[in-house]
Protein backbone atom coordinates (compact mmCIF):
# COMPACT_ATOMS: atom_id res chain seq x y z
CA MET A 1 70.49 -14.31 48.57
CA ASN A 2 66.40 -14.98 49.49
CA VAL A 3 65.33 -18.61 49.54
CA ARG A 4 61.94 -18.87 47.66
CA VAL A 5 59.41 -21.72 49.38
CA LEU A 6 56.36 -23.29 48.48
CA SER A 7 54.43 -24.65 51.53
CA VAL A 8 51.38 -26.25 50.96
CA ALA A 9 49.25 -27.96 53.25
CA SER A 10 45.82 -28.38 53.55
CA GLU A 11 44.67 -25.56 55.75
CA ALA A 12 46.55 -21.96 57.56
CA LEU A 13 45.50 -19.43 59.24
CA PRO A 14 43.51 -17.29 59.43
CA LEU A 15 41.97 -18.64 56.35
CA VAL A 16 40.66 -22.22 57.73
CA LYS A 17 41.67 -23.96 60.57
CA THR A 18 40.56 -28.15 62.09
CA GLY A 19 43.67 -28.10 64.59
CA GLY A 20 47.02 -27.34 65.50
CA LEU A 21 48.46 -27.53 61.60
CA ALA A 22 46.76 -24.65 60.62
CA ASP A 23 48.05 -22.67 63.63
CA VAL A 24 51.68 -23.56 61.88
CA VAL A 25 51.52 -22.69 58.36
CA GLY A 26 50.32 -19.97 59.09
CA ALA A 27 52.75 -18.73 60.98
CA LEU A 28 56.18 -20.01 59.03
CA PRO A 29 55.79 -17.26 56.21
CA ALA A 30 56.69 -14.79 59.39
CA ALA A 31 58.38 -17.15 61.29
CA VAL A 32 61.65 -17.97 58.27
CA GLU A 33 61.51 -14.45 56.77
CA PRO A 34 64.05 -13.17 59.25
CA HIS A 35 66.75 -15.70 58.01
CA GLY A 36 66.37 -14.79 54.46
CA VAL A 37 63.22 -17.13 53.66
CA LYS A 38 60.34 -15.51 51.47
CA MET A 39 57.46 -18.57 51.49
CA THR A 40 54.79 -18.44 49.71
CA VAL A 41 51.17 -20.70 51.16
CA MET A 42 49.74 -22.97 49.02
CA VAL A 43 45.77 -24.54 50.17
CA PRO A 44 42.31 -25.24 48.47
CA GLY A 45 39.99 -22.66 47.26
CA TYR A 46 37.42 -24.25 50.47
CA PRO A 47 34.62 -21.96 50.63
CA SER A 48 35.97 -19.47 53.28
CA VAL A 49 38.77 -19.39 51.58
CA MET A 50 37.22 -17.86 48.20
CA ARG A 51 35.87 -15.35 50.38
CA ALA A 52 38.80 -14.05 52.06
CA ILE A 53 40.26 -13.63 49.06
CA GLY A 54 37.98 -12.24 46.83
CA LYS A 55 38.70 -12.56 42.91
CA GLY A 56 42.45 -13.06 43.36
CA ARG A 57 44.76 -12.96 40.24
CA GLN A 58 44.68 -15.87 37.87
CA LEU A 59 48.44 -17.34 37.34
CA HIS A 60 47.05 -20.40 35.48
CA ALA A 61 44.20 -22.60 34.56
CA TYR A 62 43.54 -26.41 34.61
CA ALA A 63 41.06 -28.13 31.79
CA SER A 64 41.84 -30.78 33.94
CA LEU A 65 43.27 -31.18 36.85
CA VAL A 66 42.85 -34.79 38.14
CA GLY A 67 39.70 -35.11 36.55
CA GLU A 68 38.17 -31.45 36.82
CA PRO A 69 38.68 -28.06 36.03
CA ALA A 70 41.17 -25.54 37.66
CA ARG A 71 42.64 -22.33 38.78
CA LEU A 72 46.02 -21.22 40.49
CA LEU A 73 44.74 -17.58 42.40
CA SER A 74 47.21 -15.30 43.05
CA ALA A 75 46.53 -13.33 46.52
CA ARG A 76 47.67 -12.54 50.26
CA ILE A 77 47.65 -14.55 53.41
CA GLY A 78 48.03 -10.66 55.75
CA ASP A 79 51.60 -10.00 54.99
CA HIS A 80 53.11 -12.64 52.55
CA ALA A 81 52.40 -14.66 49.36
CA LEU A 82 49.61 -17.11 49.00
CA VAL A 83 48.47 -19.34 45.78
CA VAL A 84 44.72 -20.96 46.51
CA LEU A 85 43.75 -24.20 44.07
CA ASP A 86 40.70 -22.68 42.88
CA ALA A 87 38.76 -26.19 41.73
CA PRO A 88 34.72 -25.16 42.84
CA ALA A 89 33.94 -29.92 41.85
CA TRP A 90 36.61 -30.61 44.62
CA PHE A 91 36.87 -27.72 47.19
CA SER A 92 33.75 -25.85 47.31
CA ARG A 93 32.36 -27.65 50.61
CA GLU A 94 30.55 -25.35 52.99
CA GLY A 95 31.84 -27.11 56.90
CA ASN A 96 34.65 -29.26 58.05
CA PRO A 97 36.78 -29.73 54.64
CA TYR A 98 37.50 -33.21 54.97
CA THR A 99 34.14 -34.57 56.39
CA ALA A 100 30.91 -34.71 55.28
CA GLY A 101 27.45 -33.43 57.80
CA ASP A 102 27.62 -37.35 58.93
CA GLY A 103 31.21 -36.85 59.98
CA LYS A 104 32.72 -39.64 57.58
CA ASP A 105 35.65 -39.05 54.86
CA TRP A 106 34.81 -37.34 51.83
CA PRO A 107 35.27 -40.03 49.51
CA ASP A 108 36.34 -38.73 47.15
CA ASN A 109 39.09 -36.74 49.27
CA TRP A 110 41.64 -39.16 47.12
CA ARG A 111 40.96 -36.66 44.29
CA ARG A 112 40.88 -34.09 45.53
CA PHE A 113 44.32 -34.05 47.68
CA ALA A 114 45.60 -35.75 45.03
CA ALA A 115 44.97 -32.63 43.04
CA LEU A 116 46.59 -30.61 45.87
CA GLY A 117 49.78 -32.12 45.35
CA ARG A 118 49.44 -32.23 41.63
CA ALA A 119 49.16 -28.66 41.82
CA ALA A 120 52.04 -27.57 44.25
CA ALA A 121 54.62 -29.95 42.37
CA ASP A 122 53.35 -28.14 38.66
CA LEU A 123 53.97 -24.63 41.06
CA ALA A 124 57.35 -25.97 42.63
CA GLY A 125 58.58 -26.83 39.51
CA GLY A 126 58.29 -23.97 37.29
CA LEU A 127 54.41 -23.79 35.75
CA VAL A 128 53.64 -20.36 36.02
CA LYS A 129 56.62 -17.68 34.72
CA GLY A 130 58.45 -15.61 36.93
CA LYS A 131 57.23 -17.56 40.22
CA ARG A 132 60.28 -18.90 40.56
CA PHE A 133 60.39 -21.78 44.20
CA ASP A 134 63.86 -23.59 45.09
CA LEU A 135 62.44 -25.83 47.12
CA LEU A 136 59.02 -27.55 47.89
CA HIS A 137 57.35 -27.86 51.65
CA ALA A 138 54.74 -30.17 52.04
CA HIS A 139 52.44 -30.57 55.24
CA ASP A 140 50.59 -33.41 56.49
CA TRP A 141 49.48 -35.91 54.42
CA GLN A 142 47.15 -33.96 52.26
CA ALA A 143 50.32 -32.43 51.05
CA ALA A 144 51.94 -35.09 50.61
CA MET A 145 51.81 -36.00 47.14
CA ALA A 146 53.77 -33.21 46.10
CA PRO A 147 56.76 -34.40 46.85
CA ALA A 148 55.55 -37.59 45.09
CA TYR A 149 54.65 -35.54 41.91
CA LEU A 150 58.07 -34.61 41.56
CA ARG A 151 59.83 -37.31 42.14
CA PHE A 152 58.11 -39.52 39.79
CA ALA A 153 56.13 -37.66 37.01
CA PRO A 154 57.63 -33.77 37.36
CA PRO A 155 56.38 -31.29 35.13
CA GLU A 156 57.57 -31.55 31.51
CA GLY A 157 60.11 -29.01 30.80
CA GLY A 158 60.21 -27.94 34.67
CA ARG A 159 62.76 -27.65 37.58
CA ALA A 160 63.71 -30.40 39.55
CA VAL A 161 63.56 -29.21 43.69
CA PRO A 162 63.75 -30.78 46.68
CA SER A 163 61.52 -31.19 49.51
CA VAL A 164 60.52 -31.60 52.56
CA MET A 165 57.98 -33.48 54.22
CA THR A 166 56.88 -32.45 57.69
CA ILE A 167 54.68 -34.86 59.62
CA HIS A 168 52.25 -32.73 61.68
CA ASN A 169 50.44 -36.21 63.30
CA MET A 170 51.47 -40.04 61.77
CA ALA A 171 48.31 -41.56 63.32
CA PHE A 172 46.58 -39.47 59.83
CA GLN A 173 48.01 -41.32 56.61
CA GLY A 174 46.17 -41.06 53.84
CA TRP A 175 45.79 -44.75 52.49
CA PHE A 176 43.34 -45.42 49.59
CA GLY A 177 42.32 -48.54 48.06
CA ALA A 178 44.25 -50.00 45.41
CA GLU A 179 41.94 -48.44 42.18
CA THR A 180 42.53 -45.25 42.84
CA PHE A 181 46.26 -45.28 41.46
CA ALA A 182 45.03 -45.70 37.91
CA GLY A 183 43.16 -42.04 38.30
CA LEU A 184 46.74 -40.43 40.32
CA GLY A 185 48.21 -39.41 36.60
CA LEU A 186 51.69 -41.63 37.85
CA PRO A 187 53.63 -44.35 35.38
CA ARG A 188 53.61 -47.35 36.68
CA SER A 189 57.14 -47.06 38.02
CA ALA A 190 55.21 -45.44 41.36
CA TRP A 191 53.66 -48.37 42.14
CA SER A 192 56.51 -50.33 43.72
CA MET A 193 57.70 -50.78 48.10
CA HIS A 194 59.42 -46.93 47.53
CA GLY A 195 56.54 -45.28 45.38
CA VAL A 196 53.19 -44.98 46.77
CA GLU A 197 52.33 -48.82 47.17
CA TYR A 198 51.46 -49.40 50.91
CA HIS A 199 50.20 -52.39 51.75
CA GLY A 200 48.29 -52.85 48.70
CA GLY A 201 46.75 -49.50 47.80
CA VAL A 202 47.94 -45.90 47.33
CA GLY A 203 49.48 -43.97 51.09
CA PHE A 204 50.02 -40.48 50.53
CA LEU A 205 51.64 -39.74 52.96
CA LYS A 206 54.12 -43.17 52.82
CA ALA A 207 54.61 -41.47 49.20
CA GLY A 208 56.01 -38.51 50.28
CA LEU A 209 58.38 -39.80 53.20
CA GLU A 210 59.96 -41.87 50.61
CA ALA A 211 59.84 -39.18 47.48
CA ALA A 212 61.18 -36.43 49.91
CA SER A 213 64.63 -34.56 50.04
CA ALA A 214 64.09 -34.67 53.26
CA ILE A 215 61.91 -35.30 57.13
CA THR A 216 60.66 -33.81 60.17
CA THR A 217 58.33 -33.60 62.64
CA VAL A 218 57.31 -31.15 65.44
CA SER A 219 58.93 -31.60 68.34
CA PRO A 220 62.62 -33.57 68.69
CA THR A 221 60.93 -36.56 70.90
CA TYR A 222 58.53 -37.56 68.54
CA ALA A 223 60.90 -37.45 65.80
CA ALA A 224 62.64 -40.58 68.09
CA GLU A 225 59.49 -41.86 69.05
CA ILE A 226 57.91 -42.25 65.67
CA ARG A 227 60.95 -45.30 64.47
CA ASP A 228 59.05 -47.36 67.30
CA PRO A 229 55.95 -49.13 66.58
CA GLN A 230 53.90 -47.29 69.48
CA PHE A 231 54.46 -44.18 67.58
CA GLY A 232 55.42 -44.68 64.24
CA MET A 233 52.04 -46.85 63.31
CA GLY A 234 53.23 -48.92 60.58
CA LEU A 235 55.67 -47.28 59.48
CA GLU A 236 58.42 -46.64 61.88
CA GLY A 237 60.95 -48.89 59.17
CA LEU A 238 60.84 -46.39 56.82
CA ILE A 239 61.36 -43.71 59.15
CA VAL A 240 64.48 -45.59 60.56
CA SER A 241 65.52 -46.31 56.88
CA ARG A 242 65.55 -42.25 56.25
CA GLY A 243 68.03 -41.98 58.84
CA GLU A 244 69.25 -38.75 59.24
CA ARG A 245 66.79 -37.18 57.04
CA VAL A 246 64.89 -36.79 59.52
CA ARG A 247 64.68 -34.62 62.59
CA GLY A 248 62.34 -32.35 64.54
CA ILE A 249 61.91 -28.69 64.77
CA LEU A 250 60.09 -27.68 68.10
CA ASN A 251 56.75 -25.30 67.17
CA GLY A 252 56.77 -21.92 68.15
CA ILE A 253 53.28 -19.83 68.90
CA ASP A 254 52.18 -17.08 67.50
CA THR A 255 53.39 -14.35 70.34
CA VAL A 256 51.38 -11.30 69.04
CA GLN A 257 48.41 -13.41 68.75
CA TRP A 258 48.64 -15.27 72.41
CA ASN A 259 50.27 -12.24 74.71
CA PRO A 260 48.41 -11.92 78.25
CA GLU A 261 49.22 -8.84 78.28
CA THR A 262 47.30 -7.22 74.93
CA ASP A 263 44.78 -10.03 74.40
CA PRO A 264 41.32 -7.73 73.40
CA GLU A 265 39.82 -11.46 74.56
CA ILE A 266 40.39 -11.56 77.73
CA ALA A 267 38.54 -9.73 80.44
CA GLU A 268 41.52 -8.66 82.12
CA ARG A 269 45.29 -8.49 80.72
CA PHE A 270 48.33 -9.54 82.99
CA THR A 271 51.29 -10.02 83.09
CA ALA A 272 53.87 -12.25 85.01
CA ARG A 273 54.21 -9.38 87.21
CA LYS A 274 51.29 -8.92 87.93
CA LEU A 275 49.78 -11.83 88.19
CA ASP A 276 46.87 -11.09 90.14
CA ARG A 277 44.72 -9.37 87.60
CA ARG A 278 44.03 -13.00 86.33
CA LEU A 279 41.45 -13.12 89.31
CA ARG A 280 39.11 -11.36 86.95
CA ASN A 281 39.65 -14.12 83.62
CA LYS A 282 38.69 -16.37 86.32
CA ARG A 283 35.67 -15.30 87.31
CA ALA A 284 34.57 -14.38 83.82
CA LEU A 285 35.63 -17.86 83.04
CA GLU A 286 33.43 -19.41 85.43
CA GLU A 287 30.10 -17.62 85.18
CA GLU A 288 31.20 -18.59 81.65
CA PHE A 289 30.64 -22.38 82.05
CA ALA A 290 28.27 -21.72 85.11
CA LEU A 291 30.32 -22.27 87.79
CA GLU A 292 30.29 -21.88 91.06
CA PRO A 293 32.98 -19.23 92.00
CA GLY A 294 35.83 -20.98 94.40
CA ASP A 295 38.27 -20.38 95.36
CA GLY A 296 39.98 -23.83 94.63
CA PRO A 297 41.76 -24.52 91.20
CA LEU A 298 39.64 -24.47 88.28
CA PHE A 299 41.31 -26.81 85.61
CA VAL A 300 40.52 -26.31 82.02
CA VAL A 301 41.00 -28.78 78.83
CA ILE A 302 40.70 -27.49 75.22
CA SER A 303 41.23 -30.50 72.79
CA ARG A 304 39.69 -32.46 70.35
CA LEU A 305 37.33 -35.44 72.35
CA THR A 306 39.14 -38.48 70.93
CA TRP A 307 41.23 -41.63 71.94
CA GLN A 308 44.72 -39.93 71.00
CA LYS A 309 43.91 -37.21 73.79
CA GLY A 310 43.33 -39.17 76.41
CA MET A 311 39.50 -37.87 76.63
CA ASP A 312 38.49 -41.16 77.53
CA VAL A 313 40.54 -41.69 80.94
CA LEU A 314 39.84 -38.09 81.63
CA VAL A 315 36.63 -39.06 81.62
CA GLU A 316 37.02 -42.40 84.51
CA VAL A 317 38.77 -39.02 86.81
CA LEU A 318 36.46 -36.48 86.59
CA ASP A 319 34.32 -37.08 90.25
CA HIS A 320 38.00 -37.44 92.01
CA LEU A 321 38.88 -34.30 90.22
CA VAL A 322 35.43 -32.77 92.05
CA GLY A 323 36.28 -34.98 94.90
CA ILE A 324 38.98 -33.00 96.16
CA GLY A 325 38.04 -29.86 95.49
CA ALA A 326 38.50 -28.53 92.03
CA ARG A 327 36.18 -27.92 89.37
CA LEU A 328 36.84 -28.18 85.31
CA ALA A 329 36.07 -26.30 82.38
CA VAL A 330 35.74 -28.37 78.82
CA LEU A 331 36.14 -27.10 75.35
CA GLY A 332 35.91 -29.47 72.22
CA ALA A 333 34.70 -31.87 69.53
CA GLY A 334 35.05 -35.77 68.88
CA ASP A 335 34.22 -38.92 69.68
CA ALA A 336 30.42 -39.24 70.39
CA ALA A 337 30.80 -41.13 73.63
CA MET A 338 33.63 -38.78 74.86
CA GLU A 339 31.16 -35.92 74.30
CA GLN A 340 28.50 -37.81 76.17
CA GLY A 341 30.24 -39.49 79.08
CA LEU A 342 32.01 -35.39 79.61
CA ARG A 343 28.20 -33.87 79.70
CA GLN A 344 26.87 -36.80 81.76
CA ALA A 345 29.67 -35.96 84.16
CA ALA A 346 28.48 -32.26 84.34
CA ALA A 347 25.15 -33.08 84.72
CA ARG A 348 25.88 -35.10 87.96
CA HIS A 349 28.27 -32.22 89.35
CA PRO A 350 26.13 -29.12 88.08
CA GLY A 351 28.07 -25.61 88.80
CA ARG A 352 31.80 -28.00 89.34
CA ILE A 353 32.10 -28.86 85.64
CA GLY A 354 31.03 -26.94 83.19
CA VAL A 355 31.34 -28.42 79.10
CA LEU A 356 30.63 -27.28 75.30
CA VAL A 357 30.97 -28.92 72.45
CA GLY A 358 32.63 -27.21 69.79
CA TYR A 359 35.74 -24.87 68.66
CA ASP A 360 35.62 -21.08 69.54
CA GLU A 361 38.94 -19.73 69.29
CA ALA A 362 38.73 -16.64 71.48
CA LEU A 363 37.20 -18.37 74.59
CA ALA A 364 40.18 -20.85 73.66
CA HIS A 365 42.35 -17.27 74.87
CA ARG A 366 39.58 -16.62 78.00
CA MET A 367 39.95 -20.31 79.24
CA GLN A 368 43.53 -19.90 79.14
CA ALA A 369 43.43 -17.13 80.44
CA GLY A 370 40.87 -17.92 83.19
CA GLY A 371 42.51 -21.66 83.78
CA ASP A 372 44.45 -21.66 87.10
CA ALA A 373 45.87 -25.08 84.79
CA ILE A 374 45.94 -27.07 81.95
CA LEU A 375 45.16 -30.70 81.15
CA VAL A 376 46.66 -32.66 78.21
CA PRO A 377 46.55 -36.63 79.24
CA SER A 378 47.54 -37.61 75.96
CA ARG A 379 48.64 -40.78 73.99
CA PHE A 380 50.94 -39.63 71.90
CA GLU A 381 51.15 -35.86 71.66
CA PRO A 382 53.58 -34.98 68.05
CA CYS A 383 53.42 -31.25 69.79
CA GLY A 384 51.03 -30.10 70.79
CA LEU A 385 49.98 -26.00 71.52
CA THR A 386 47.87 -26.25 74.02
CA GLN A 387 50.16 -26.34 76.54
CA LEU A 388 52.43 -23.61 75.31
CA TYR A 389 49.96 -21.38 75.65
CA GLY A 390 49.27 -22.76 79.01
CA LEU A 391 52.46 -21.67 79.41
CA ALA A 392 52.18 -17.94 78.14
CA TYR A 393 49.37 -17.01 80.02
CA GLY A 394 49.85 -18.45 83.19
CA CYS A 395 47.90 -21.77 83.26
CA VAL A 396 50.38 -24.06 84.16
CA PRO A 397 50.30 -27.52 82.38
CA VAL A 398 49.27 -30.71 83.63
CA VAL A 399 50.54 -33.63 80.54
CA ALA A 400 51.45 -36.94 79.67
CA ARG A 401 55.48 -37.34 79.33
CA THR A 402 55.04 -37.93 76.00
CA GLY A 403 56.43 -35.97 71.88
CA GLY A 404 56.21 -32.18 72.33
CA LEU A 405 54.43 -32.55 76.03
CA ALA A 406 57.65 -33.79 77.30
CA ASP A 407 60.76 -31.57 75.46
CA THR A 408 58.29 -28.43 76.37
CA VAL A 409 57.12 -28.93 79.81
CA ILE A 410 59.98 -29.42 83.10
CA ASP A 411 58.02 -31.52 85.28
CA ALA A 412 57.57 -30.03 89.43
CA ASN A 413 59.88 -32.81 91.06
CA PRO A 414 61.06 -32.33 93.95
CA ALA A 415 64.88 -31.34 92.24
CA ALA A 416 62.86 -28.63 90.01
CA ILE A 417 61.36 -27.35 92.28
CA ALA A 418 64.56 -26.86 94.73
CA ALA A 419 66.44 -25.16 90.95
CA GLY A 420 63.42 -22.79 90.38
CA VAL A 421 62.89 -24.10 86.61
CA ALA A 422 59.71 -26.12 86.75
CA THR A 423 57.06 -25.10 84.63
CA GLY A 424 54.52 -27.99 84.97
CA ILE A 425 53.67 -31.60 85.64
CA GLN A 426 54.13 -34.20 83.51
CA PHE A 427 53.39 -38.00 83.90
CA GLY A 428 53.65 -41.27 82.29
CA ARG A 429 51.11 -43.98 82.05
CA ILE A 430 47.38 -42.89 80.34
CA ASP A 431 45.68 -44.68 83.13
CA ARG A 432 42.99 -43.72 85.37
CA GLN A 433 44.90 -44.05 88.00
CA THR A 434 48.05 -41.88 87.16
CA LEU A 435 46.17 -39.22 86.00
CA ALA A 436 44.07 -38.44 88.96
CA HIS A 437 47.42 -38.92 91.16
CA ALA A 438 48.94 -35.70 88.52
CA ILE A 439 45.64 -34.14 89.45
CA ASP A 440 46.75 -34.62 92.93
CA ARG A 441 49.64 -33.19 92.80
CA ALA A 442 48.27 -30.16 91.12
CA VAL A 443 46.08 -29.68 93.39
CA ALA A 444 48.87 -30.37 96.28
CA LEU A 445 51.26 -27.21 95.04
CA TYR A 446 48.05 -25.08 94.39
CA GLY A 447 47.87 -24.80 97.54
CA ASP A 448 51.19 -23.42 98.19
CA ARG A 449 50.55 -20.14 96.12
CA ASP A 450 54.24 -19.00 96.34
CA GLU A 451 55.46 -22.13 94.73
CA TRP A 452 52.35 -21.75 92.17
CA ARG A 453 53.18 -18.57 91.17
CA ARG A 454 56.87 -19.02 90.60
CA ILE A 455 55.80 -22.09 88.26
CA GLN A 456 54.21 -19.81 86.02
CA ARG A 457 56.22 -17.24 86.33
CA ASN A 458 58.48 -19.71 85.20
CA GLY A 459 56.72 -21.02 82.38
CA MET A 460 55.63 -17.22 81.03
CA ARG A 461 59.25 -16.33 80.46
CA CYS A 462 59.74 -19.19 78.70
CA ASP A 463 60.18 -18.51 74.91
CA PHE A 464 58.14 -20.54 72.61
CA SER A 465 58.34 -18.35 70.30
CA TRP A 466 59.36 -19.44 65.86
CA GLN A 467 63.11 -17.27 66.64
CA ALA A 468 64.69 -20.30 66.75
CA SER A 469 62.60 -22.34 64.75
CA GLY A 470 62.44 -20.32 61.64
CA LYS A 471 66.10 -20.49 62.04
CA ALA A 472 65.96 -24.51 62.29
CA TYR A 473 63.79 -24.54 58.51
CA ALA A 474 65.44 -21.79 56.73
CA ASP A 475 69.13 -23.37 57.67
CA LEU A 476 67.32 -27.69 56.98
CA TYR A 477 66.13 -25.71 53.61
CA ARG A 478 69.53 -24.37 52.25
CA SER A 479 71.11 -27.33 53.49
CA LEU A 480 68.76 -29.03 50.77
CA ILE A 481 69.46 -26.08 48.12
CA GLY A 482 72.94 -26.19 48.47
């Protein structure tokens, strides 16, 4: 018998994306379907979403949802069911889903995403006749109020359903002042240390972690790391208290969208057996970033330009990277100072460093296909997808030893090289000296063409599809519904 799951999130490919959350939410329905799970995705009705679905079919109308009228609309996302929360007062805003044009969070984000959580809890609990769900799966703080509403204010006459709360990044928690509690429609009993109260305010992620039947993170190492204050971001005690209810399930990648043998975005398609064909992609990438063509290694960075991602340390090593004969292409946006530091480095080294501030999905494909190595110097990384794309495309990952990066890349140490299993380079501390040494190692390995190709092929032959992870989620769902 199929398990029916409502998966609620603030973004999902191909409708709206700001980061890896969208990739995962968009991929999950197909990942769990072979394992007997029918998943419906629920997202807010941003302008891009509303344009994509057209009119949709109305399932329910709210006269007031956290203070504003709203509708639930039924549509499709590819081959899978989709529900859209059409609430123009909350979501009819172009641009970034979370921030205004000045880069600051929308001041009413607490209302916007409380509305998403309330509607998801209602729908999972049986609001719409004929739409029956066995379980609710919420992603990150924007959806975390859904499990809290199911626990503290379930829909009247609704069904009790279990819930799963997935942490894609513990650093983003959705904390709001105590004055917001009155507008959430929760009973007074929810204002407690075992409810939504957190440091004198309302903690959305904290509320979801308290209320959920089970908690998952997106890699086994990150599930262990968040029990420690360095990575738990103040919630490590709660995570420890949930014990075996917390587990890590590694993200997969969409091996149809990310396949160098069939990718329509790249200059030359290739396979692990035909790595020579990658050279045309490298030359095309050099031209796109106005880099001098050459035989030395071309590093790429595809990342948010933030402290978490270690971009401040990257800026410090760029003169060294160029000095040892390497080049760099960067795609990303974020902290203004880090953007400026990268632009200044590109100005110092024209033809050796190219920087494009912004994000372009098609260009990300071309960078993975044309780059020799991808740098991921994150201070913490719940899972990471860029290193997985790099492995699939023969773009050797050079990564920090943390979270999902540690789980997915086999360091090219002497033992791994002797055994023929290395897939990339790992390094420990996030500082200038350590990152520079990792880059030195990559350049030295690149000089051994046979060994470099062996490392490329090892990565390309790894299976990071959703098959195993999809089964793990399906097994978890069944364990919760009995």
